[in-house]
Amino acid sequence: MSEFDQLRTATYATQFRAAKAASRIPEWPVLGIAFALVSVVAWDLALLWLAAKLCRIVFL
């Protein structure tokens, strides 16, 4: 393989890696937001369940 072919291959590989890394970047904020929403909903449900239990104990 000539020096030009090696350089061209390295350039394409670098561009491919950069494009692959750029395509992966948006996943993390989306996953973070989804995880935050799920955890907030889980806490809300847990607090509602606890409030219902406490109301049942207090009023019965």
N, C-alpha and C. Protein backbone atom coordinates (compact mmCIF):
# COMPACT_ATOMS: atom_id res chain seq x y z
N MET A 1 0.86 -1.17 0.00
CA MET A 1 0.00 0.00 0.00
C MET A 1 0.90 1.23 0.00
N SER A 2 0.59 2.16 -0.86
CA SER A 2 1.42 3.36 -0.98
C SER A 2 1.15 4.30 0.19
N GLU A 3 2.03 5.28 0.31
CA GLU A 3 1.88 6.25 1.40
C GLU A 3 0.58 7.04 1.23
N PHE A 4 0.24 7.35 -0.01
CA PHE A 4 -1.01 8.08 -0.28
C PHE A 4 -2.22 7.26 0.16
N ASP A 5 -2.20 5.95 -0.15
CA ASP A 5 -3.32 5.09 0.25
C ASP A 5 -3.43 5.00 1.77
N GLN A 6 -2.28 4.92 2.44
CA GLN A 6 -2.30 4.87 3.90
C GLN A 6 -2.88 6.15 4.49
N LEU A 7 -2.44 7.28 3.92
CA LEU A 7 -2.94 8.57 4.40
C LEU A 7 -4.44 8.71 4.15
N ARG A 8 -4.87 8.30 2.95
CA ARG A 8 -6.29 8.38 2.61
C ARG A 8 -7.12 7.48 3.53
N THR A 9 -6.64 6.27 3.78
CA THR A 9 -7.35 5.35 4.67
C THR A 9 -7.44 5.92 6.08
N ALA A 10 -6.33 6.49 6.56
CA ALA A 10 -6.34 7.09 7.90
C ALA A 10 -7.30 8.26 7.97
N THR A 11 -7.36 9.07 6.91
CA THR A 11 -8.27 10.22 6.89
C THR A 11 -9.72 9.75 6.92
N TYR A 12 -10.05 8.77 6.09
CA TYR A 12 -11.43 8.26 6.08
C TYR A 12 -11.79 7.61 7.41
N ALA A 13 -10.84 6.88 8.00
CA ALA A 13 -11.11 6.24 9.29
C ALA A 13 -11.37 7.30 10.36
N THR A 14 -10.58 8.38 10.33
CA THR A 14 -10.79 9.45 11.31
C THR A 14 -12.15 10.11 11.12
N GLN A 15 -12.51 10.37 9.86
CA GLN A 15 -13.82 10.97 9.59
C GLN A 15 -14.94 10.04 10.03
N PHE A 16 -14.76 8.74 9.78
CA PHE A 16 -15.78 7.77 10.17
C PHE A 16 -15.93 7.73 11.69
N ARG A 17 -14.78 7.72 12.40
CA ARG A 17 -14.84 7.72 13.86
C ARG A 17 -15.49 8.99 14.39
N ALA A 18 -15.16 10.13 13.77
CA ALA A 18 -15.75 11.40 14.21
C ALA A 18 -17.26 11.40 13.97
N ALA A 19 -17.68 10.90 12.82
CA ALA A 19 -19.12 10.85 12.53
C ALA A 19 -19.83 9.89 13.47
N LYS A 20 -19.19 8.77 13.77
CA LYS A 20 -19.79 7.80 14.68
C LYS A 20 -19.92 8.39 16.08
N ALA A 21 -18.88 9.08 16.53
CA ALA A 21 -18.92 9.71 17.85
C ALA A 21 -19.98 10.81 17.90
N ALA A 22 -20.10 11.58 16.82
CA ALA A 22 -21.09 12.66 16.78
C ALA A 22 -22.51 12.10 16.78
N SER A 23 -22.70 10.94 16.16
CA SER A 23 -24.05 10.36 16.14
C SER A 23 -24.43 9.79 17.49
N ARG A 24 -23.44 9.48 18.33
CA ARG A 24 -23.73 8.92 19.64
C ARG A 24 -23.99 9.99 20.69
N ILE A 25 -23.57 11.22 20.44
CA ILE A 25 -23.67 12.28 21.45
C ILE A 25 -25.12 12.56 21.87
N PRO A 26 -26.08 12.68 20.95
CA PRO A 26 -27.43 13.04 21.39
C PRO A 26 -28.12 11.99 22.25
N GLU A 27 -27.62 10.76 22.26
CA GLU A 27 -28.29 9.72 23.06
C GLU A 27 -28.22 10.03 24.55
N TRP A 28 -27.10 10.56 25.04
CA TRP A 28 -26.93 10.71 26.48
C TRP A 28 -27.89 11.72 27.10
N PRO A 29 -28.07 12.91 26.52
CA PRO A 29 -29.06 13.81 27.13
C PRO A 29 -30.47 13.23 27.11
N VAL A 30 -30.81 12.54 26.04
CA VAL A 30 -32.15 11.94 25.95
C VAL A 30 -32.32 10.88 27.02
N LEU A 31 -31.29 10.04 27.20
CA LEU A 31 -31.36 9.02 28.23
C LEU A 31 -31.42 9.64 29.62
N GLY A 32 -30.67 10.71 29.82
CA GLY A 32 -30.69 11.40 31.12
C GLY A 32 -32.05 11.99 31.42
N ILE A 33 -32.65 12.62 30.43
CA ILE A 33 -33.98 13.22 30.61
C ILE A 33 -35.01 12.13 30.87
N ALA A 34 -34.92 11.03 30.12
CA ALA A 34 -35.87 9.93 30.31
C ALA A 34 -35.72 9.34 31.71
N PHE A 35 -34.48 9.15 32.16
CA PHE A 35 -34.25 8.60 33.50
C PHE A 35 -34.78 9.55 34.56
N ALA A 36 -34.57 10.86 34.38
CA ALA A 36 -35.07 11.83 35.35
C ALA A 36 -36.60 11.80 35.41
N LEU A 37 -37.25 11.73 34.25
CA LEU A 37 -38.71 11.68 34.23
C LEU A 37 -39.24 10.42 34.92
N VAL A 38 -38.61 9.30 34.63
CA VAL A 38 -39.05 8.04 35.25
C VAL A 38 -38.86 8.10 36.75
N SER A 39 -37.73 8.64 37.21
CA SER A 39 -37.50 8.69 38.65
C SER A 39 -38.46 9.67 39.33
N VAL A 40 -38.78 10.78 38.67
CA VAL A 40 -39.74 11.73 39.25
C VAL A 40 -41.12 11.09 39.35
N VAL A 41 -41.53 10.40 38.30
CA VAL A 41 -42.84 9.73 38.32
C VAL A 41 -42.86 8.65 39.40
N ALA A 42 -41.76 7.91 39.53
CA ALA A 42 -41.70 6.87 40.56
C ALA A 42 -41.82 7.48 41.95
N TRP A 43 -41.13 8.59 42.19
CA TRP A 43 -41.23 9.25 43.49
C TRP A 43 -42.65 9.76 43.73
N ASP A 44 -43.27 10.33 42.71
CA ASP A 44 -44.64 10.82 42.87
C ASP A 44 -45.59 9.68 43.23
N LEU A 45 -45.44 8.55 42.54
CA LEU A 45 -46.30 7.41 42.85
C LEU A 45 -46.05 6.89 44.26
N ALA A 46 -44.79 6.85 44.66
CA ALA A 46 -44.46 6.38 46.01
C ALA A 46 -45.05 7.32 47.06
N LEU A 47 -44.95 8.62 46.83
CA LEU A 47 -45.50 9.57 47.79
C LEU A 47 -47.03 9.52 47.82
N LEU A 48 -47.65 9.33 46.67
CA LEU A 48 -49.11 9.19 46.64
C LEU A 48 -49.55 7.94 47.40
N TRP A 49 -48.82 6.85 47.21
CA TRP A 49 -49.15 5.61 47.92
C TRP A 49 -48.99 5.81 49.42
N LEU A 50 -47.91 6.49 49.81
CA LEU A 50 -47.68 6.74 51.23
C LEU A 50 -48.76 7.65 51.81
N ALA A 51 -49.15 8.67 51.05
CA ALA A 51 -50.20 9.58 51.52
C ALA A 51 -51.53 8.83 51.66
N ALA A 52 -51.83 7.95 50.73
CA ALA A 52 -53.07 7.17 50.81
C ALA A 52 -53.04 6.26 52.04
N LYS A 53 -51.90 5.65 52.30
CA LYS A 53 -51.79 4.78 53.48
C LYS A 53 -51.98 5.60 54.76
N LEU A 54 -51.33 6.77 54.82
CA LEU A 54 -51.45 7.59 56.02
C LEU A 54 -52.86 8.10 56.21
N CYS A 55 -53.53 8.51 55.13
CA CYS A 55 -54.91 8.98 55.24
C CYS A 55 -55.83 7.86 55.71
N ARG A 56 -55.59 6.66 55.21
CA ARG A 56 -56.42 5.53 55.62
C ARG A 56 -56.22 5.24 57.11
N ILE A 57 -54.98 5.34 57.57
CA ILE A 57 -54.70 5.09 58.99
C ILE A 57 -55.33 6.18 59.86
N VAL A 58 -55.22 7.44 59.43
CA VAL A 58 -55.72 8.56 60.23
C VAL A 58 -57.24 8.56 60.28
N PHE A 59 -57.91 8.32 59.14
CA PHE A 59 -59.36 8.46 59.08
C PHE A 59 -60.11 7.18 59.42
N LEU A 60 -59.44 6.06 59.55
CA LEU A 60 -60.16 4.82 59.90
C LEU A 60 -59.93 4.42 61.33
